[in-house]
Amino acid sequence: MAKSLQQGTRVRWESHGGKAHGKVIRKLTGRTMIKGHQVSASRDNPEYLVETDEGRHAAHKASALGKD
C-alpha cells in the first residue's frame, strides 16, 4: 500500500469481524481519541482515520490498508 493515502480513497482492512471496507477520512499525525481509545500517531508514524461503509470510525497504519 502507498505510504500516503488521500482523503476519500476507498480502502479495505482486516477487522475482528472479518474484512471491512470504507474510505479514508484523514491522515492522523498526532495523538487522537477514537471510541475511547488513544491513537498514538505521529508525523514519523502516521495512521489513517477511516470510516466503514456502516459509518463507524477506526484508525489504521497504511500497511494495514489495501485499496478497495
Protein backbone atom coordinates (compact mmCIF):
# COMPACT_ATOMS: atom_id res chain seq x y z
CA MET A 1 0.00 0.00 0.00
CA ALA A 2 1.15 3.51 -0.70
CA LYS A 3 2.86 5.36 2.12
CA SER A 4 0.40 8.24 1.82
CA LEU A 5 -3.34 7.85 1.21
CA GLN A 6 -5.60 10.67 0.10
CA GLN A 7 -8.88 11.69 1.71
CA GLY A 8 -11.76 9.79 0.12
CA THR A 9 -9.64 6.83 -1.09
CA ARG A 10 -11.65 3.59 -0.88
CA VAL A 11 -9.80 1.03 1.30
CA ARG A 12 -10.26 -2.39 2.89
CA TRP A 13 -8.72 -3.93 6.02
CA GLU A 14 -9.00 -6.90 8.35
CA SER A 15 -11.15 -6.33 11.43
CA HIS A 16 -12.35 -8.51 14.31
CA GLY A 17 -15.44 -9.39 12.29
CA GLY A 18 -13.60 -10.16 9.04
CA LYS A 19 -12.92 -7.84 6.12
CA ALA A 20 -14.07 -4.23 6.41
CA HIS A 21 -14.49 -1.66 3.65
CA GLY A 22 -14.67 2.11 3.78
CA LYS A 23 -12.84 5.31 2.95
CA VAL A 24 -10.01 7.44 4.31
CA ILE A 25 -11.26 10.45 6.26
CA ARG A 26 -7.88 11.99 7.09
CA LYS A 27 -4.25 11.32 7.98
CA LEU A 28 -3.51 11.40 11.73
CA THR A 29 -0.15 12.81 12.80
CA GLY A 30 -0.81 13.39 16.49
CA ARG A 31 -2.43 11.67 19.46
CA THR A 32 -6.16 11.27 18.95
CA MET A 33 -9.03 9.66 20.86
CA ILE A 34 -11.28 7.32 18.86
CA LYS A 35 -14.11 5.41 20.56
CA GLY A 36 -12.47 5.99 23.95
CA HIS A 37 -9.06 4.66 22.84
CA GLN A 38 -5.94 6.74 22.37
CA VAL A 39 -4.27 6.51 18.97
CA SER A 40 -0.57 7.32 19.29
CA ALA A 41 0.00 8.57 15.76
CA SER A 42 2.86 10.95 14.99
CA ARG A 43 4.46 12.62 11.97
CA ASP A 44 7.04 9.82 11.87
CA ASN A 45 4.42 7.12 12.47
CA PRO A 46 1.12 8.34 10.97
CA GLU A 47 -2.17 6.47 10.99
CA TYR A 48 -5.30 6.98 8.93
CA LEU A 49 -8.79 7.67 10.23
CA VAL A 50 -11.13 5.50 8.18
CA GLU A 51 -14.90 5.30 8.08
CA THR A 52 -16.59 1.99 7.34
CA ASP A 53 -19.47 1.73 4.90
CA GLU A 54 -21.68 1.47 8.01
CA GLY A 55 -20.39 4.80 9.37
CA ARG A 56 -18.06 3.52 12.10
CA HIS A 57 -14.59 5.02 12.63
CA ALA A 58 -11.21 3.39 13.24
CA ALA A 59 -7.52 4.25 12.88
CA HIS A 60 -5.04 2.08 10.97
CA LYS A 61 -1.48 2.26 9.72
CA ALA A 62 -1.06 2.45 5.93
CA SER A 63 0.42 -1.06 5.94
CA ALA A 64 -2.90 -2.47 7.23
CA LEU A 65 -4.93 -0.86 4.46
CA GLY A 66 -5.41 -2.04 0.89
CA LYS A 67 -7.07 -0.21 -1.97
CA ASP A 68 -10.63 -1.39 -2.46
